[in-house]
Amino acid sequence: MKRQHQLTLQALFAHPLQHGLRCSRVEALLLSLGAEVEHLSDHRLQVRLPAGQVTCLHAAPSLHHPWLDEEGVLRLRRLLQQAGISPEHPEPAPPGPRGDQAMRLVVRLDHHGASLWRFEGEQMEASVLHPHGLWGGDQNLSHRHERDLAGQRAPLDHDYLERISNAIADADAVLLLGHGQGQADVRRLLVAHIRRHHRQLLERIAGVVTLDDTALSEAQLLALAREHFGNVPHRRPLVVPGQERREPPARPPLEPQ
């Protein structure tokens, strides 16, 4: 288990009870443990562990970061205890690359495309992946009548999900950004695809963040990356291919999630 997930697990079991546990980091921990996490309405998360244990958590809204309320921490602690999971279990995995030697990936995705930002050393590289199948059209797959084909739900675009999975396989740590619920939440579809075909990649997901808008400024991007990866360069000049070198702001603002 990566150190960040181990710290989150320790925080869940801490005495006295800790407050302000970010839902994005808790969800990343659960994914690394093989759990299924579904975003429901009213800021709720449904968690299903591999052994079948299920609970529902509530994400209390705050200015910048949704966090688990006290009842959610206690529920999740009991769920993990029932599954035999504690800060001492599972055993930590061998550490991967650290610091500027690690390749960190931020992915903002929906049915129409995935924007990828790769951080390595002082370099940031941006790219986009577009679906070529059914998702490549203008249909809004969150609407039932547009999802159904001859009475059947529209098939997943496995090629699109596989190409995103390949990008994740090249990274040491990954942050997933997006929005939506159910079939409209491509993050959930991607995680299900990875769980089925590339389970070992779940360990690389460092956070799962919900963004209600599609616009993400460079300042917000750097802030999110720094919060979840911790070592994204922010005092040294940032180099973006094709753009002139410039200094990012010291503390870029984040919009409420």
Protein backbone atom coordinates (compact mmCIF):
# COMPACT_ATOMS: atom_id res chain seq x y z
CA MET A 1 0.00 0.00 0.00
CA LYS A 2 1.33 3.44 -0.94
CA ARG A 3 2.24 5.78 1.89
CA GLN A 4 -0.58 8.24 1.11
CA HIS A 5 -3.19 5.45 1.37
CA GLN A 6 -1.54 4.17 4.56
CA LEU A 7 -1.79 7.66 6.12
CA THR A 8 -5.47 7.90 5.14
CA LEU A 9 -6.13 4.49 6.70
CA GLN A 10 -4.37 5.56 9.90
CA ALA A 11 -6.45 8.75 10.00
CA LEU A 12 -9.68 6.73 9.74
CA PHE A 13 -8.69 4.68 12.78
CA ALA A 14 -7.19 7.57 14.79
CA HIS A 15 -8.24 8.36 18.37
CA PRO A 16 -9.62 10.87 19.06
CA LEU A 17 -11.74 10.91 15.92
CA GLN A 18 -10.18 13.01 13.16
CA HIS A 19 -12.20 15.58 11.23
CA GLY A 20 -11.64 16.99 7.77
CA LEU A 21 -10.82 13.70 6.00
CA ARG A 22 -11.14 14.55 2.29
CA CYS A 23 -13.51 12.31 0.37
CA SER A 24 -11.17 12.24 -2.63
CA ARG A 25 -8.39 10.63 -0.59
CA VAL A 26 -10.77 8.25 1.18
CA GLU A 27 -12.16 7.15 -2.18
CA ALA A 28 -8.65 6.63 -3.54
CA LEU A 29 -7.84 4.44 -0.50
CA LEU A 30 -10.99 2.37 -1.04
CA LEU A 31 -10.19 1.87 -4.72
CA SER A 32 -6.70 0.65 -3.81
CA LEU A 33 -8.35 -1.92 -1.52
CA GLY A 34 -10.48 -3.18 -4.44
CA ALA A 35 -13.73 -1.54 -3.29
CA GLU A 36 -16.45 -0.27 -5.62
CA VAL A 37 -17.45 3.35 -4.94
CA GLU A 38 -20.59 4.85 -6.49
CA HIS A 39 -21.52 8.53 -6.27
CA LEU A 40 -25.19 8.88 -5.30
CA SER A 41 -27.31 11.99 -4.90
CA ASP A 42 -27.10 14.37 -1.92
CA HIS A 43 -23.31 14.04 -1.59
CA ARG A 44 -23.50 10.34 -0.71
CA LEU A 45 -21.07 7.57 -1.57
CA GLN A 46 -22.01 3.89 -1.66
CA VAL A 47 -19.07 1.63 -0.83
CA ARG A 48 -18.94 -2.09 -1.60
CA LEU A 49 -15.91 -4.09 -0.51
CA PRO A 50 -14.74 -7.16 -2.51
CA ALA A 51 -16.15 -9.51 0.17
CA GLY A 52 -19.61 -7.94 -0.26
CA GLN A 53 -19.80 -5.54 2.71
CA VAL A 54 -21.74 -2.40 1.80
CA THR A 55 -22.26 0.97 3.47
CA CYS A 56 -23.30 4.48 2.51
CA LEU A 57 -21.24 7.53 3.46
CA HIS A 58 -22.11 11.20 3.48
CA ALA A 59 -19.73 13.82 2.13
CA ALA A 60 -20.13 17.05 4.10
CA PRO A 61 -19.62 20.06 1.79
CA SER A 62 -16.99 22.67 2.60
CA LEU A 63 -15.47 25.66 0.83
CA HIS A 64 -12.80 23.70 -1.04
CA HIS A 65 -12.96 19.97 -0.22
CA PRO A 66 -15.89 17.62 0.48
CA TRP A 67 -15.03 15.68 3.63
CA LEU A 68 -16.48 12.74 5.56
CA ASP A 69 -18.67 13.68 8.49
CA GLU A 70 -18.19 12.01 11.88
CA GLU A 71 -20.84 9.35 11.23
CA GLY A 72 -19.23 8.55 7.86
CA VAL A 73 -15.82 8.02 9.48
CA LEU A 74 -17.34 5.66 12.09
CA ARG A 75 -19.34 3.74 9.45
CA LEU A 76 -16.30 3.30 7.25
CA ARG A 77 -14.16 2.25 10.20
CA ARG A 78 -16.68 -0.46 11.13
CA LEU A 79 -16.91 -1.61 7.51
CA LEU A 80 -13.14 -1.97 7.25
CA GLN A 81 -12.94 -3.75 10.61
CA GLN A 82 -15.56 -6.27 9.43
CA ALA A 83 -13.37 -6.96 6.39
CA GLY A 84 -10.29 -7.41 8.59
CA ILE A 85 -8.67 -4.21 7.32
CA SER A 86 -6.69 -2.03 9.73
CA PRO A 87 -3.68 0.31 9.52
CA GLU A 88 -1.52 -2.81 9.81
CA HIS A 89 -3.28 -4.58 6.92
CA PRO A 90 -2.68 -4.99 4.03
CA GLU A 91 1.10 -5.11 3.99
CA PRO A 92 2.76 -2.12 2.30
CA ALA A 93 3.91 -2.65 -1.26
CA PRO A 94 7.50 -1.85 -2.30
CA PRO A 95 7.87 1.93 -2.77
CA GLY A 96 7.83 3.31 -6.29
CA PRO A 97 9.69 6.28 -7.75
CA ARG A 98 9.64 9.36 -5.53
CA GLY A 99 10.04 13.08 -5.90
CA ASP A 100 10.73 14.51 -9.34
CA GLN A 101 11.61 11.05 -10.69
CA ALA A 102 7.93 10.04 -10.49
CA MET A 103 5.54 10.58 -13.39
CA ARG A 104 2.27 12.03 -12.09
CA LEU A 105 -0.87 12.17 -14.22
CA VAL A 106 -4.03 14.29 -13.89
CA VAL A 107 -6.99 13.09 -15.97
CA ARG A 108 -10.22 15.06 -16.48
CA LEU A 109 -12.64 12.84 -18.35
CA ASP A 110 -16.16 12.48 -19.68
CA HIS A 111 -17.86 10.67 -22.58
CA HIS A 112 -16.54 13.19 -25.10
CA GLY A 113 -12.85 13.13 -24.26
CA ALA A 114 -10.13 12.89 -21.64
CA SER A 115 -7.72 15.76 -20.95
CA LEU A 116 -4.39 14.51 -19.60
CA TRP A 117 -1.65 16.49 -17.87
CA ARG A 118 1.64 14.69 -17.16
CA PHE A 119 4.03 16.07 -14.54
CA GLU A 120 7.63 14.91 -14.49
CA GLY A 121 10.43 16.96 -13.01
CA GLU A 122 9.85 20.57 -14.11
CA GLN A 123 7.96 19.52 -17.23
CA MET A 124 4.20 19.51 -17.74
CA GLU A 125 2.84 17.93 -20.92
CA ALA A 126 -0.82 18.23 -21.94
CA SER A 127 -2.69 15.92 -24.32
CA VAL A 128 -6.25 14.83 -25.17
CA LEU A 129 -7.77 11.41 -25.88
CA HIS A 130 -10.99 11.30 -27.92
CA PRO A 131 -13.37 8.33 -28.13
CA HIS A 132 -13.88 6.92 -31.61
CA GLY A 133 -16.93 4.71 -31.02
CA LEU A 134 -20.44 5.50 -29.79
CA TRP A 135 -19.14 7.96 -27.22
CA GLY A 136 -17.49 9.91 -30.01
CA GLY A 137 -20.88 11.28 -31.09
CA ASP A 138 -22.84 14.16 -29.60
CA GLN A 139 -25.21 11.97 -27.61
CA ASN A 140 -25.68 12.66 -23.92
CA LEU A 141 -25.34 9.15 -22.52
CA SER A 142 -26.77 10.22 -19.16
CA HIS A 143 -30.25 10.28 -20.74
CA ARG A 144 -31.96 6.90 -20.92
CA HIS A 145 -33.60 7.37 -24.33
CA GLU A 146 -30.23 8.25 -25.85
CA ARG A 147 -28.46 5.41 -24.05
CA ASP A 148 -30.77 2.69 -25.23
CA LEU A 149 -30.35 0.92 -28.54
CA ALA A 150 -33.26 -1.33 -29.54
CA GLY A 151 -34.18 -1.69 -25.86
CA GLN A 152 -30.59 -2.32 -24.79
CA ARG A 153 -28.29 0.07 -22.94
CA ALA A 154 -25.59 1.53 -25.19
CA PRO A 155 -22.39 -0.51 -24.96
CA LEU A 156 -19.32 0.82 -23.20
CA ASP A 157 -16.58 2.26 -25.35
CA HIS A 158 -13.95 -0.25 -24.21
CA ASP A 159 -11.34 1.11 -26.62
CA TYR A 160 -11.62 4.57 -25.07
CA LEU A 161 -11.40 3.17 -21.52
CA GLU A 162 -8.46 0.97 -22.51
CA ARG A 163 -6.50 3.87 -23.98
CA ILE A 164 -6.98 5.84 -20.75
CA SER A 165 -5.90 2.75 -18.79
CA ASN A 166 -2.72 2.56 -20.89
CA ALA A 167 -1.95 6.18 -20.01
CA ILE A 168 -2.46 5.39 -16.32
CA ALA A 169 -0.14 2.38 -16.65
CA ASP A 170 2.68 4.75 -17.63
CA ALA A 171 2.20 6.90 -14.49
CA ASP A 172 3.29 6.40 -10.87
CA ALA A 173 0.37 8.36 -9.38
CA VAL A 174 -2.94 9.44 -10.94
CA LEU A 175 -5.63 11.99 -10.05
CA LEU A 176 -9.06 11.49 -11.67
CA LEU A 177 -11.32 14.52 -12.25
CA GLY A 178 -14.89 14.52 -13.54
CA HIS A 179 -18.56 14.75 -12.65
CA GLY A 180 -21.86 12.95 -13.11
CA GLN A 181 -23.63 9.97 -11.61
CA GLY A 182 -24.17 6.40 -12.75
CA GLN A 183 -23.46 5.86 -16.46
CA ALA A 184 -22.78 9.61 -16.80
CA ASP A 185 -19.77 9.33 -14.45
CA VAL A 186 -16.95 8.09 -16.67
CA ARG A 187 -14.64 7.95 -13.64
CA ARG A 188 -16.78 5.13 -12.23
CA LEU A 189 -16.88 3.34 -15.59
CA LEU A 190 -13.11 3.68 -15.93
CA VAL A 191 -12.47 2.35 -12.42
CA ALA A 192 -14.78 -0.62 -13.12
CA HIS A 193 -12.86 -1.29 -16.36
CA ILE A 194 -9.52 -1.11 -14.54
CA ARG A 195 -10.78 -3.33 -11.73
CA ARG A 196 -11.81 -5.99 -14.25
CA HIS A 197 -8.86 -5.83 -16.65
CA HIS A 198 -5.95 -4.10 -14.85
CA ARG A 199 -6.55 -4.46 -11.10
CA GLN A 200 -2.92 -3.66 -10.29
CA LEU A 201 -3.46 -0.10 -11.56
CA LEU A 202 -5.96 0.73 -8.78
CA GLU A 203 -3.01 1.29 -6.45
CA ARG A 204 -1.85 4.21 -8.60
CA ILE A 205 -5.00 6.31 -8.13
CA ALA A 206 -4.04 9.02 -5.63
CA GLY A 207 -7.38 10.85 -5.63
CA VAL A 208 -10.84 11.15 -7.21
CA VAL A 209 -12.22 14.71 -7.40
CA THR A 210 -15.63 15.94 -8.56
CA LEU A 211 -15.65 19.11 -10.69
CA ASP A 212 -18.99 20.55 -11.77
CA ASP A 213 -17.53 22.60 -14.61
CA THR A 214 -15.36 21.60 -17.53
CA ALA A 215 -13.10 24.66 -17.38
CA LEU A 216 -9.92 24.14 -15.39
CA SER A 217 -7.42 26.96 -15.22
CA GLU A 218 -3.71 26.24 -15.02
CA ALA A 219 -3.68 27.67 -11.48
CA GLN A 220 -6.46 25.30 -10.37
CA LEU A 221 -4.76 22.37 -12.09
CA LEU A 222 -1.48 23.03 -10.29
CA ALA A 223 -3.28 23.45 -6.98
CA LEU A 224 -5.12 20.14 -7.33
CA ALA A 225 -1.96 18.32 -8.42
CA ARG A 226 0.05 19.76 -5.55
CA GLU A 227 -2.62 18.79 -2.98
CA HIS A 228 -2.74 15.16 -4.09
CA PHE A 229 0.82 14.54 -5.25
CA GLY A 230 2.57 16.88 -2.84
CA ASN A 231 5.73 17.34 -4.89
CA VAL A 232 4.59 19.05 -8.08
CA PRO A 233 7.09 21.90 -8.62
CA HIS A 234 5.47 25.22 -7.78
CA ARG A 235 8.37 27.45 -6.77
CA ARG A 236 10.44 26.74 -9.87
CA PRO A 237 9.49 27.88 -13.39
CA LEU A 238 6.89 25.66 -15.06
CA VAL A 239 7.61 24.59 -18.62
CA VAL A 240 4.64 23.81 -20.87
CA PRO A 241 5.57 22.60 -24.38
CA GLY A 242 4.90 25.32 -26.93
CA GLN A 243 4.56 28.08 -24.34
CA GLU A 244 7.04 30.51 -22.87
CA ARG A 245 8.48 29.82 -19.42
CA ARG A 246 6.61 31.56 -16.60
CA GLU A 247 6.21 31.43 -12.83
CA PRO A 248 2.91 30.03 -11.47
CA PRO A 249 1.28 31.87 -8.54
CA ALA A 250 2.44 30.84 -5.08
CA ARG A 251 -1.03 29.91 -3.81
CA PRO A 252 -3.51 29.59 -6.68
CA PRO A 253 -7.17 29.70 -5.66
CA LEU A 254 -9.49 26.72 -5.96
CA GLU A 255 -13.15 26.94 -6.85
CA PRO A 256 -15.57 25.12 -4.49
CA GLN A 257 -16.29 21.55 -5.60
